[in-house]
Amino acid sequence: MPYLTLQTNQGIDANDMPAVLDALSKGVAAALGKSENYVMIALDSAKPMFFAGNDAPAAYVELKSLGLPEDQTTRFSEQLCSLVEAQIGVRRERIYINFGAPARHMWGWNGKTF
């Protein structure tokens, strides 16, 4: 059940949005070694953002996944920064990532919890 949300001050053309979402979905599935069938991506572009005292291209990413291994977050950070940089052009030093591993009983799907 990986869920990635990406907020950025970069505008993304509506014609490019499906390809960006597809690349993010495939990238998250590959990074976590999970089926893309359970990956959800939310993308909020052209959002007013200020980082390090200016409005240069920036992004905030949240990745939540059941059983997310804490000892792998450095690797995930590298992979996600590369992915975001390639897809929307935000340099890695202007990307914050928040990782989360919710308890199974705190994540619902299909009328049940995990």
PDB file of N, CA and C in Angstrom:
ATOM      1  N   MET A   1       0.798  -1.197   0.000  1.00  0.00           N
ATOM      2  CA  MET A   1       0.000   0.000   0.000  1.00  0.00           C
ATOM      3  C   MET A   1       0.842   1.263   0.000  1.00  0.00           C
ATOM      4  N   PRO A   2       1.903   1.307  -0.734  1.00  0.00           N
ATOM      5  CA  PRO A   2       2.697   2.537  -0.752  1.00  0.00           C
ATOM      6  C   PRO A   2       1.872   3.721  -1.251  1.00  0.00           C
ATOM      7  N   TYR A   3       2.030   4.845  -0.566  1.00  0.00           N
ATOM      8  CA  TYR A   3       1.367   6.089  -0.947  1.00  0.00           C
ATOM      9  C   TYR A   3       2.427   7.176  -0.998  1.00  0.00           C
ATOM     10  N   LEU A   4       2.540   7.810  -2.150  1.00  0.00           N
ATOM     11  CA  LEU A   4       3.472   8.913  -2.310  1.00  0.00           C
ATOM     12  C   LEU A   4       2.686  10.157  -2.667  1.00  0.00           C
ATOM     13  N   THR A   5       2.923  11.222  -1.920  1.00  0.00           N
ATOM     14  CA  THR A   5       2.338  12.504  -2.260  1.00  0.00           C
ATOM     15  C   THR A   5       3.484  13.473  -2.532  1.00  0.00           C
ATOM     16  N   LEU A   6       3.346  14.228  -3.584  1.00  0.00           N
ATOM     17  CA  LEU A   6       4.375  15.164  -4.014  1.00  0.00           C
ATOM     18  C   LEU A   6       3.747  16.529  -4.183  1.00  0.00           C
ATOM     19  N   GLN A   7       4.264  17.498  -3.446  1.00  0.00           N
ATOM     20  CA  GLN A   7       3.849  18.888  -3.588  1.00  0.00           C
ATOM     21  C   GLN A   7       5.034  19.651  -4.150  1.00  0.00           C
ATOM     22  N   THR A   8       4.760  20.492  -5.140  1.00  0.00           N
ATOM     23  CA  THR A   8       5.839  21.261  -5.747  1.00  0.00           C
ATOM     24  C   THR A   8       5.320  22.609  -6.224  1.00  0.00           C
ATOM     25  N   ASN A   9       6.221  23.563  -6.291  1.00  0.00           N
ATOM     26  CA  ASN A   9       5.864  24.860  -6.843  1.00  0.00           C
ATOM     27  C   ASN A   9       6.072  24.887  -8.360  1.00  0.00           C
ATOM     28  N   GLN A  10       6.513  23.791  -8.925  1.00  0.00           N
ATOM     29  CA  GLN A  10       6.679  23.672 -10.364  1.00  0.00           C
ATOM     30  C   GLN A  10       5.327  23.397 -11.020  1.00  0.00           C
ATOM     31  N   GLY A  11       5.043  24.110 -12.081  1.00  0.00           N
ATOM     32  CA  GLY A  11       3.840  23.815 -12.849  1.00  0.00           C
ATOM     33  C   GLY A  11       4.108  22.611 -13.745  1.00  0.00           C
ATOM     34  N   ILE A  12       3.143  21.738 -13.845  1.00  0.00           N
ATOM     35  CA  ILE A  12       3.266  20.564 -14.722  1.00  0.00           C
ATOM     36  C   ILE A  12       2.130  20.634 -15.728  1.00  0.00           C
ATOM     37  N   ASP A  13       2.486  20.656 -16.968  1.00  0.00           N
ATOM     38  CA  ASP A  13       1.502  20.737 -18.042  1.00  0.00           C
ATOM     39  C   ASP A  13       0.549  19.548 -17.953  1.00  0.00           C
ATOM     40  N   ALA A  14      -0.722  19.805 -18.164  1.00  0.00           N
ATOM     41  CA  ALA A  14      -1.743  18.743 -18.094  1.00  0.00           C
ATOM     42  C   ALA A  14      -1.433  17.597 -19.042  1.00  0.00           C
ATOM     43  N   ASN A  15      -0.825  17.894 -20.175  1.00  0.00           N
ATOM     44  CA  ASN A  15      -0.473  16.835 -21.126  1.00  0.00           C
ATOM     45  C   ASN A  15       0.660  15.952 -20.618  1.00  0.00           C
ATOM     46  N   ASP A  16       1.511  16.500 -19.751  1.00  0.00           N
ATOM     47  CA  ASP A  16       2.641  15.747 -19.198  1.00  0.00           C
ATOM     48  C   ASP A  16       2.284  14.991 -17.925  1.00  0.00           C
ATOM     49  N   MET A  17       1.174  15.366 -17.292  1.00  0.00           N
ATOM     50  CA  MET A  17       0.811  14.794 -15.990  1.00  0.00           C
ATOM     51  C   MET A  17       0.698  13.266 -16.007  1.00  0.00           C
ATOM     52  N   PRO A  18       0.023  12.641 -16.981  1.00  0.00           N
ATOM     53  CA  PRO A  18      -0.068  11.175 -16.961  1.00  0.00           C
ATOM     54  C   PRO A  18       1.307  10.489 -16.994  1.00  0.00           C
ATOM     55  N   ALA A  19       2.234  11.008 -17.781  1.00  0.00           N
ATOM     56  CA  ALA A  19       3.570  10.404 -17.863  1.00  0.00           C
ATOM     57  C   ALA A  19       4.331  10.579 -16.556  1.00  0.00           C
ATOM     58  N   VAL A  20       4.183  11.729 -15.913  1.00  0.00           N
ATOM     59  CA  VAL A  20       4.856  11.972 -14.634  1.00  0.00           C
ATOM     60  C   VAL A  20       4.295  11.042 -13.564  1.00  0.00           C
ATOM     61  N   LEU A  21       2.975  10.939 -13.490  1.00  0.00           N
ATOM     62  CA  LEU A  21       2.348  10.042 -12.514  1.00  0.00           C
ATOM     63  C   LEU A  21       2.763   8.591 -12.751  1.00  0.00           C
ATOM     64  N   ASP A  22       2.797   8.179 -14.009  1.00  0.00           N
ATOM     65  CA  ASP A  22       3.205   6.815 -14.353  1.00  0.00           C
ATOM     66  C   ASP A  22       4.646   6.555 -13.910  1.00  0.00           C
ATOM     67  N   ALA A  23       5.539   7.491 -14.195  1.00  0.00           N
ATOM     68  CA  ALA A  23       6.947   7.322 -13.806  1.00  0.00           C
ATOM     69  C   ALA A  23       7.101   7.267 -12.289  1.00  0.00           C
ATOM     70  N   LEU A  24       6.360   8.104 -11.571  1.00  0.00           N
ATOM     71  CA  LEU A  24       6.428   8.086 -10.105  1.00  0.00           C
ATOM     72  C   LEU A  24       5.891   6.763  -9.556  1.00  0.00           C
ATOM     73  N   SER A  25       4.788   6.287 -10.106  1.00  0.00           N
ATOM     74  CA  SER A  25       4.199   5.025  -9.651  1.00  0.00           C
ATOM     75  C   SER A  25       5.158   3.855  -9.871  1.00  0.00           C
ATOM     76  N   LYS A  26       5.701   3.776 -11.057  1.00  0.00           N
ATOM     77  CA  LYS A  26       6.651   2.699 -11.367  1.00  0.00           C
ATOM     78  C   LYS A  26       7.921   2.823 -10.512  1.00  0.00           C
ATOM     79  N   GLY A  27       8.388   4.047 -10.309  1.00  0.00           N
ATOM     80  CA  GLY A  27       9.592   4.274  -9.511  1.00  0.00           C
ATOM     81  C   GLY A  27       9.418   3.886  -8.051  1.00  0.00           C
ATOM     82  N   VAL A  28       8.265   4.216  -7.477  1.00  0.00           N
ATOM     83  CA  VAL A  28       7.992   3.852  -6.081  1.00  0.00           C
ATOM     84  C   VAL A  28       7.884   2.339  -5.950  1.00  0.00           C
ATOM     85  N   ALA A  29       7.163   1.705  -6.854  1.00  0.00           N
ATOM     86  CA  ALA A  29       7.031   0.247  -6.809  1.00  0.00           C
ATOM     87  C   ALA A  29       8.395  -0.428  -6.904  1.00  0.00           C
ATOM     88  N   ALA A  30       9.231   0.043  -7.816  1.00  0.00           N
ATOM     89  CA  ALA A  30      10.561  -0.550  -7.989  1.00  0.00           C
ATOM     90  C   ALA A  30      11.435  -0.316  -6.757  1.00  0.00           C
ATOM     91  N   ALA A  31      11.430   0.895  -6.235  1.00  0.00           N
ATOM     92  CA  ALA A  31      12.265   1.219  -5.068  1.00  0.00           C
ATOM     93  C   ALA A  31      11.900   0.356  -3.869  1.00  0.00           C
ATOM     94  N   LEU A  32      10.599   0.132  -3.675  1.00  0.00           N
ATOM     95  CA  LEU A  32      10.144  -0.619  -2.508  1.00  0.00           C
ATOM     96  C   LEU A  32      10.040  -2.115  -2.760  1.00  0.00           C
ATOM     97  N   GLY A  33      10.159  -2.516  -4.023  1.00  0.00           N
ATOM     98  CA  GLY A  33      10.016  -3.929  -4.347  1.00  0.00           C
ATOM     99  C   GLY A  33       8.602  -4.424  -4.129  1.00  0.00           C
ATOM    100  N   LYS A  34       7.623  -3.546  -4.392  1.00  0.00           N
ATOM    101  CA  LYS A  34       6.218  -3.909  -4.194  1.00  0.00           C
ATOM    102  C   LYS A  34       5.476  -3.819  -5.517  1.00  0.00           C
ATOM    103  N   SER A  35       4.354  -4.487  -5.582  1.00  0.00           N
ATOM    104  CA  SER A  35       3.530  -4.470  -6.784  1.00  0.00           C
ATOM    105  C   SER A  35       2.957  -3.069  -7.009  1.00  0.00           C
ATOM    106  N   GLU A  36       3.010  -2.630  -8.253  1.00  0.00           N
ATOM    107  CA  GLU A  36       2.438  -1.333  -8.597  1.00  0.00           C
ATOM    108  C   GLU A  36       0.919  -1.328  -8.417  1.00  0.00           C
ATOM    109  N   ASN A  37       0.303  -2.503  -8.337  1.00  0.00           N
ATOM    110  CA  ASN A  37      -1.146  -2.597  -8.148  1.00  0.00           C
ATOM    111  C   ASN A  37      -1.621  -1.928  -6.866  1.00  0.00           C
ATOM    112  N   TYR A  38      -0.730  -1.741  -5.898  1.00  0.00           N
ATOM    113  CA  TYR A  38      -1.109  -1.148  -4.621  1.00  0.00           C
ATOM    114  C   TYR A  38      -0.558   0.253  -4.424  1.00  0.00           C
ATOM    115  N   VAL A  39       0.185   0.771  -5.387  1.00  0.00           N
ATOM    116  CA  VAL A  39       0.812   2.088  -5.261  1.00  0.00           C
ATOM    117  C   VAL A  39      -0.199   3.180  -5.597  1.00  0.00           C
ATOM    118  N   MET A  40      -0.253   4.199  -4.749  1.00  0.00           N
ATOM    119  CA  MET A  40      -1.083   5.373  -5.016  1.00  0.00           C
ATOM    120  C   MET A  40      -0.172   6.596  -5.026  1.00  0.00           C
ATOM    121  N   ILE A  41      -0.390   7.466  -6.007  1.00  0.00           N
ATOM    122  CA  ILE A  41       0.402   8.684  -6.155  1.00  0.00           C
ATOM    123  C   ILE A  41      -0.539   9.878  -6.167  1.00  0.00           C
ATOM    124  N   ALA A  42      -0.204  10.923  -5.425  1.00  0.00           N
ATOM    125  CA  ALA A  42      -0.933  12.192  -5.477  1.00  0.00           C
ATOM    126  C   ALA A  42       0.082  13.280  -5.807  1.00  0.00           C
ATOM    127  N   LEU A  43      -0.281  14.126  -6.750  1.00  0.00           N
ATOM    128  CA  LEU A  43       0.639  15.166  -7.210  1.00  0.00           C
ATOM    129  C   LEU A  43      -0.067  16.508  -7.174  1.00  0.00           C
ATOM    130  N   ASP A  44       0.495  17.434  -6.419  1.00  0.00           N
ATOM    131  CA  ASP A  44      -0.045  18.775  -6.269  1.00  0.00           C
ATOM    132  C   ASP A  44       1.000  19.743  -6.815  1.00  0.00           C
ATOM    133  N   SER A  45       0.766  20.242  -8.029  1.00  0.00           N
ATOM    134  CA  SER A  45       1.757  21.105  -8.668  1.00  0.00           C
ATOM    135  C   SER A  45       1.321  22.565  -8.635  1.00  0.00           C
ATOM    136  N   ALA A  46       2.270  23.431  -8.980  1.00  0.00           N
ATOM    137  CA  ALA A  46       2.058  24.882  -9.013  1.00  0.00           C
ATOM    138  C   ALA A  46       1.553  25.402  -7.667  1.00  0.00           C
ATOM    139  N   LYS A  47       2.024  24.779  -6.590  1.00  0.00           N
ATOM    140  CA  LYS A  47       1.642  25.151  -5.232  1.00  0.00           C
ATOM    141  C   LYS A  47       2.609  26.231  -4.740  1.00  0.00           C
ATOM    142  N   PRO A  48       2.122  27.328  -4.197  1.00  0.00           N
ATOM    143  CA  PRO A  48       3.044  28.334  -3.666  1.00  0.00           C
ATOM    144  C   PRO A  48       3.935  27.710  -2.582  1.00  0.00           C
ATOM    145  N   MET A  49       5.242  27.781  -2.771  1.00  0.00           N
ATOM    146  CA  MET A  49       6.202  27.228  -1.813  1.00  0.00           C
ATOM    147  C   MET A  49       7.404  28.146  -1.714  1.00  0.00           C
ATOM    148  N   PHE A  50       7.941  28.211  -0.529  1.00  0.00           N
ATOM    149  CA  PHE A  50       9.166  28.951  -0.247  1.00  0.00           C
ATOM    150  C   PHE A  50      10.089  27.995   0.482  1.00  0.00           C
ATOM    151  N   PHE A  51      11.314  27.881   0.066  1.00  0.00           N
ATOM    152  CA  PHE A  51      12.286  27.001   0.710  1.00  0.00           C
ATOM    153  C   PHE A  51      13.635  27.707   0.700  1.00  0.00           C
ATOM    154  N   ALA A  52      14.312  27.735   1.828  1.00  0.00           N
ATOM    155  CA  ALA A  52      15.624  28.382   1.968  1.00  0.00           C
ATOM    156  C   ALA A  52      15.561  29.859   1.574  1.00  0.00           C
ATOM    157  N   GLY A  53      14.435  30.482   1.897  1.00  0.00           N
ATOM    158  CA  GLY A  53      14.314  31.910   1.694  1.00  0.00           C
ATOM    159  C   GLY A  53      13.967  32.362   0.291  1.00  0.00           C
ATOM    160  N   ASN A  54      13.580  31.427  -0.592  1.00  0.00           N
ATOM    161  CA  ASN A  54      13.208  31.838  -1.949  1.00  0.00           C
ATOM    162  C   ASN A  54      12.202  30.871  -2.560  1.00  0.00           C
ATOM    163  N   ASP A  55      11.675  31.261  -3.713  1.00  0.00           N
ATOM    164  CA  ASP A  55      10.659  30.437  -4.372  1.00  0.00           C
ATOM    165  C   ASP A  55      11.197  29.690  -5.593  1.00  0.00           C
ATOM    166  N   ALA A  56      12.495  29.400  -5.595  1.00  0.00           N
ATOM    167  CA  ALA A  56      13.086  28.577  -6.656  1.00  0.00           C
ATOM    168  C   ALA A  56      12.419  27.200  -6.613  1.00  0.00           C
ATOM    169  N   PRO A  57      12.511  26.429  -7.704  1.00  0.00           N
ATOM    170  CA  PRO A  57      11.865  25.111  -7.731  1.00  0.00           C
ATOM    171  C   PRO A  57      12.176  24.285  -6.475  1.00  0.00           C
ATOM    172  N   ALA A  58      11.110  23.774  -5.858  1.00  0.00           N
ATOM    173  CA  ALA A  58      11.229  22.998  -4.623  1.00  0.00           C
ATOM    174  C   ALA A  58      10.143  21.933  -4.614  1.00  0.00           C
ATOM    175  N   ALA A  59      10.314  20.927  -3.750  1.00  0.00           N
ATOM    176  CA  ALA A  59       9.319  19.860  -3.624  1.00  0.00           C
ATOM    177  C   ALA A  59       9.329  19.296  -2.216  1.00  0.00           C
ATOM    178  N   TYR A  60       8.149  18.889  -1.792  1.00  0.00           N
ATOM    179  CA  TYR A  60       7.974  18.169  -0.534  1.00  0.00           C
ATOM    180  C   TYR A  60       7.321  16.832  -0.880  1.00  0.00           C
ATOM    181  N   VAL A  61       7.937  15.751  -0.412  1.00  0.00           N
ATOM    182  CA  VAL A  61       7.478  14.403  -0.726  1.00  0.00           C
ATOM    183  C   VAL A  61       7.187  13.670   0.577  1.00  0.00           C
ATOM    184  N   GLU A  62       6.076  12.954   0.597  1.00  0.00           N
ATOM    185  CA  GLU A  62       5.779  12.042   1.697  1.00  0.00           C
ATOM    186  C   GLU A  62       5.630  10.649   1.113  1.00  0.00           C
ATOM    187  N   LEU A  63       6.333   9.707   1.702  1.00  0.00           N
ATOM    188  CA  LEU A  63       6.209   8.308   1.307  1.00  0.00           C
ATOM    189  C   LEU A  63       5.789   7.511   2.527  1.00  0.00           C
ATOM    190  N   LYS A  64       4.622   6.889   2.417  1.00  0.00           N
ATOM    191  CA  LYS A  64       4.121   6.026   3.488  1.00  0.00           C
ATOM    192  C   LYS A  64       3.968   4.626   2.920  1.00  0.00           C
ATOM    193  N   SER A  65       4.369   3.660   3.716  1.00  0.00           N
ATOM    194  CA  SER A  65       4.221   2.278   3.291  1.00  0.00           C
ATOM    195  C   SER A  65       4.267   1.372   4.506  1.00  0.00           C
ATOM    196  N   LEU A  66       3.404   0.377   4.518  1.00  0.00           N
ATOM    197  CA  LEU A  66       3.434  -0.602   5.597  1.00  0.00           C
ATOM    198  C   LEU A  66       4.772  -1.312   5.583  1.00  0.00           C
ATOM    199  N   GLY A  67       5.374  -1.466   6.746  1.00  0.00           N
ATOM    200  CA  GLY A  67       6.629  -2.190   6.852  1.00  0.00           C
ATOM    201  C   GLY A  67       7.812  -1.489   6.219  1.00  0.00           C
ATOM    202  N   LEU A  68       7.737  -0.176   6.038  1.00  0.00           N
ATOM    203  CA  LEU A  68       8.849   0.564   5.442  1.00  0.00           C
ATOM    204  C   LEU A  68      10.090   0.402   6.322  1.00  0.00           C
ATOM    205  N   PRO A  69      11.138  -0.213   5.804  1.00  0.00           N
ATOM    206  CA  PRO A  69      12.325  -0.455   6.629  1.00  0.00           C
ATOM    207  C   PRO A  69      13.123   0.827   6.890  1.00  0.00           C
ATOM    208  N   GLU A  70      13.253   1.176   8.149  1.00  0.00           N
ATOM    209  CA  GLU A  70      13.961   2.398   8.534  1.00  0.00           C
ATOM    210  C   GLU A  70      15.412   2.396   8.091  1.00  0.00           C
ATOM    211  N   ASP A  71      16.015   1.234   8.011  1.00  0.00           N
ATOM    212  CA  ASP A  71      17.430   1.178   7.619  1.00  0.00           C
ATOM    213  C   ASP A  71      17.631   1.375   6.118  1.00  0.00           C
ATOM    214  N   GLN A  72      16.535   1.533   5.367  1.00  0.00           N
ATOM    215  CA  GLN A  72      16.628   1.730   3.920  1.00  0.00           C
ATOM    216  C   GLN A  72      16.250   3.138   3.476  1.00  0.00           C
ATOM    217  N   THR A  73      15.938   4.034   4.428  1.00  0.00           N
ATOM    218  CA  THR A  73      15.457   5.355   4.034  1.00  0.00           C
ATOM    219  C   THR A  73      16.511   6.176   3.290  1.00  0.00           C
ATOM    220  N   THR A  74      17.776   5.971   3.564  1.00  0.00           N
ATOM    221  CA  THR A  74      18.814   6.695   2.821  1.00  0.00           C
ATOM    222  C   THR A  74      18.779   6.281   1.349  1.00  0.00           C
ATOM    223  N   ARG A  75      18.639   5.002   1.095  1.00  0.00           N
ATOM    224  CA  ARG A  75      18.536   4.510  -0.284  1.00  0.00           C
ATOM    225  C   ARG A  75      17.267   5.029  -0.947  1.00  0.00           C
ATOM    226  N   PHE A  76      16.147   5.002  -0.217  1.00  0.00           N
ATOM    227  CA  PHE A  76      14.891   5.513  -0.767  1.00  0.00           C
ATOM    228  C   PHE A  76      15.004   7.003  -1.077  1.00  0.00           C
ATOM    229  N   SER A  77      15.678   7.745  -0.200  1.00  0.00           N
ATOM    230  CA  SER A  77      15.863   9.176  -0.421  1.00  0.00           C
ATOM    231  C   SER A  77      16.626   9.428  -1.714  1.00  0.00           C
ATOM    232  N   GLU A  78      17.689   8.683  -1.940  1.00  0.00           N
ATOM    233  CA  GLU A  78      18.476   8.819  -3.171  1.00  0.00           C
ATOM    234  C   GLU A  78      17.595   8.524  -4.393  1.00  0.00           C
ATOM    235  N   GLN A  79      16.836   7.434  -4.327  1.00  0.00           N
ATOM    236  CA  GLN A  79      16.006   7.044  -5.462  1.00  0.00           C
ATOM    237  C   GLN A  79      14.886   8.051  -5.718  1.00  0.00           C
ATOM    238  N   LEU A  80      14.232   8.509  -4.664  1.00  0.00           N
ATOM    239  CA  LEU A  80      13.143   9.464  -4.837  1.00  0.00           C
ATOM    240  C   LEU A  80      13.651  10.814  -5.315  1.00  0.00           C
ATOM    241  N   CYS A  81      14.777  11.272  -4.778  1.00  0.00           N
ATOM    242  CA  CYS A  81      15.339  12.546  -5.245  1.00  0.00           C
ATOM    243  C   CYS A  81      15.698  12.466  -6.725  1.00  0.00           C
ATOM    244  N   SER A  82      16.287  11.370  -7.134  1.00  0.00           N
ATOM    245  CA  SER A  82      16.624  11.191  -8.552  1.00  0.00           C
ATOM    246  C   SER A  82      15.366  11.183  -9.411  1.00  0.00           C
ATOM    247  N   LEU A  83      14.339  10.514  -8.942  1.00  0.00           N
ATOM    248  CA  LEU A  83      13.079  10.412  -9.679  1.00  0.00           C
ATOM    249  C   LEU A  83      12.413  11.783  -9.816  1.00  0.00           C
ATOM    250  N   VAL A  84      12.303  12.506  -8.717  1.00  0.00           N
ATOM    251  CA  VAL A  84      11.675  13.828  -8.744  1.00  0.00           C
ATOM    252  C   VAL A  84      12.491  14.793  -9.604  1.00  0.00           C
ATOM    253  N   GLU A  85      13.797  14.734  -9.466  1.00  0.00           N
ATOM    254  CA  GLU A  85      14.671  15.589 -10.267  1.00  0.00           C
ATOM    255  C   GLU A  85      14.468  15.308 -11.763  1.00  0.00           C
ATOM    256  N   ALA A  86      14.402  14.046 -12.133  1.00  0.00           N
ATOM    257  CA  ALA A  86      14.242  13.671 -13.541  1.00  0.00           C
ATOM    258  C   ALA A  86      12.860  14.037 -14.078  1.00  0.00           C
ATOM    259  N   GLN A  87      11.842  13.892 -13.253  1.00  0.00           N
ATOM    260  CA  GLN A  87      10.470  14.089 -13.729  1.00  0.00           C
ATOM    261  C   GLN A  87      10.015  15.544 -13.740  1.00  0.00           C
ATOM    262  N   ILE A  88      10.412  16.325 -12.715  1.00  0.00           N
ATOM    263  CA  ILE A  88       9.897  17.695 -12.660  1.00  0.00           C
ATOM    264  C   ILE A  88      10.990  18.754 -12.560  1.00  0.00           C
ATOM    265  N   GLY A  89      12.242  18.331 -12.552  1.00  0.00           N
ATOM    266  CA  GLY A  89      13.338  19.290 -12.622  1.00  0.00           C
ATOM    267  C   GLY A  89      13.696  19.996 -11.337  1.00  0.00           C
ATOM    268  N   VAL A  90      13.261  19.473 -10.195  1.00  0.00           N
ATOM    269  CA  VAL A  90      13.645  20.068  -8.915  1.00  0.00           C
ATOM    270  C   VAL A  90      14.943  19.421  -8.461  1.00  0.00           C
ATOM    271  N   ARG A  91      15.942  20.245  -8.176  1.00  0.00           N
ATOM    272  CA  ARG A  91      17.236  19.724  -7.716  1.00  0.00           C
ATOM    273  C   ARG A  91      17.096  19.077  -6.346  1.00  0.00           C
ATOM    274  N   ARG A  92      17.841  18.020  -6.123  1.00  0.00           N
ATOM    275  CA  ARG A  92      17.736  17.230  -4.891  1.00  0.00           C
ATOM    276  C   ARG A  92      17.958  18.024  -3.611  1.00  0.00           C
ATOM    277  N   GLU A  93      18.762  19.078  -3.685  1.00  0.00           N
ATOM    278  CA  GLU A  93      18.995  19.875  -2.475  1.00  0.00           C
ATOM    279  C   GLU A  93      17.802  20.775  -2.144  1.00  0.00           C
ATOM    280  N   ARG A  94      16.763  20.721  -2.981  1.00  0.00           N
ATOM    281  CA  ARG A  94      15.546  21.503  -2.738  1.00  0.00           C
ATOM    282  C   ARG A  94      14.336  20.587  -2.569  1.00  0.00           C
ATOM    283  N   ILE A  95      14.613  19.368  -2.126  1.00  0.00           N
ATOM    284  CA  ILE A  95      13.560  18.372  -1.901  1.00  0.00           C
ATOM    285  C   ILE A  95      13.628  17.878  -0.455  1.00  0.00           C
ATOM    286  N   TYR A  96      12.526  17.961   0.241  1.00  0.00           N
ATOM    287  CA  TYR A  96      12.391  17.340   1.554  1.00  0.00           C
ATOM    288  C   TYR A  96      11.531  16.092   1.391  1.00  0.00           C
ATOM    289  N   ILE A  97      11.884  15.037   2.122  1.00  0.00           N
ATOM    290  CA  ILE A  97      11.116  13.791   2.091  1.00  0.00           C
ATOM    291  C   ILE A  97      10.775  13.383   3.516  1.00  0.00           C
ATOM    292  N   ASN A  98       9.524  13.033   3.730  1.00  0.00           N
ATOM    293  CA  ASN A  98       9.056  12.544   5.018  1.00  0.00           C
ATOM    294  C   ASN A  98       8.626  11.097   4.827  1.00  0.00           C
ATOM    295  N   PHE A  99       9.264  10.176   5.556  1.00  0.00           N
ATOM    296  CA  PHE A  99       8.945   8.759   5.464  1.00  0.00           C
ATOM    297  C   PHE A  99       8.027   8.362   6.612  1.00  0.00           C
ATOM    298  N   GLY A 100       7.107   7.457   6.328  1.00  0.00           N
ATOM    299  CA  GLY A 100       6.211   6.982   7.368  1.00  0.00           C
ATOM    300  C   GLY A 100       5.881   5.514   7.173  1.00  0.00           C
ATOM    301  N   ALA A 101       5.777   4.801   8.298  1.00  0.00           N
ATOM    302  CA  ALA A 101       5.412   3.380   8.284  1.00  0.00           C
ATOM    303  C   ALA A 101       4.266   3.192   9.275  1.00  0.00           C
ATOM    304  N   PRO A 102       3.024   3.414   8.828  1.00  0.00           N
ATOM    305  CA  PRO A 102       1.897   3.290   9.750  1.00  0.00           C
ATOM    306  C   PRO A 102       1.691   1.849  10.213  1.00  0.00           C
ATOM    307  N   ALA A 103       1.114   1.736  11.393  1.00  0.00           N
ATOM    308  CA  ALA A 103       0.741   0.411  11.883  1.00  0.00           C
ATOM    309  C   ALA A 103      -0.341  -0.161  10.973  1.00  0.00           C
ATOM    310  N   ARG A 104      -0.318  -1.467  10.766  1.00  0.00           N
ATOM    311  CA  ARG A 104      -1.260  -2.106   9.847  1.00  0.00           C
ATOM    312  C   ARG A 104      -2.722  -1.815  10.199  1.00  0.00           C
ATOM    313  N   HIS A 105      -3.034  -1.776  11.480  1.00  0.00           N
ATOM    314  CA  HIS A 105      -4.426  -1.525  11.874  1.00  0.00           C
ATOM    315  C   HIS A 105      -4.840  -0.070  11.666  1.00  0.00           C
ATOM    316  N   MET A 106      -3.876   0.795  11.313  1.00  0.00           N
ATOM    317  CA  MET A 106      -4.163   2.206  11.078  1.00  0.00           C
ATOM    318  C   MET A 106      -4.257   2.543   9.586  1.00  0.00           C
ATOM    319  N   TRP A 107      -4.248   1.521   8.731  1.00  0.00           N
ATOM    320  CA  TRP A 107      -4.353   1.735   7.291  1.00  0.00           C
ATOM    321  C   TRP A 107      -5.474   0.874   6.757  1.00  0.00           C
ATOM    322  N   GLY A 108      -6.482   1.510   6.167  1.00  0.00           N
ATOM    323  CA  GLY A 108      -7.634   0.774   5.672  1.00  0.00           C
ATOM    324  C   GLY A 108      -7.649   0.673   4.155  1.00  0.00           C
ATOM    325  N   TRP A 109      -8.306  -0.351   3.668  1.00  0.00           N
ATOM    326  CA  TRP A 109      -8.496  -0.575   2.238  1.00  0.00           C
ATOM    327  C   TRP A 109      -9.599  -1.614   2.059  1.00  0.00           C
ATOM    328  N   ASN A 110     -10.465  -1.377   1.125  1.00  0.00           N
ATOM    329  CA  ASN A 110     -11.466  -2.354   0.750  1.00  0.00           C
ATOM    330  C   ASN A 110     -12.369  -2.736   1.920  1.00  0.00           C
ATOM    331  N   GLY A 111     -12.676  -1.762   2.774  1.00  0.00           N
ATOM    332  CA  GLY A 111     -13.554  -2.001   3.920  1.00  0.00           C
ATOM    333  C   GLY A 111     -12.923  -2.733   5.078  1.00  0.00           C
ATOM    334  N   LYS A 112     -11.610  -2.926   5.023  1.00  0.00           N
ATOM    335  CA  LYS A 112     -10.886  -3.620   6.092  1.00  0.00           C
ATOM    336  C   LYS A 112      -9.628  -2.822   6.444  1.00  0.00           C
ATOM    337  N   THR A 113      -8.829  -3.346   7.324  1.00  0.00           N
ATOM    338  CA  THR A 113      -7.503  -2.802   7.574  1.00  0.00           C
ATOM    339  C   THR A 113      -6.488  -3.890   7.269  1.00  0.00           C
ATOM    340  N   PHE A 114      -5.256  -3.486   7.153  1.00  0.00           N
ATOM    341  CA  PHE A 114      -4.198  -4.453   6.837  1.00  0.00           C
ATOM    342  C   PHE A 114      -3.763  -5.196   8.090  1.00  0.00           C
TER     343      PHE A 114
END
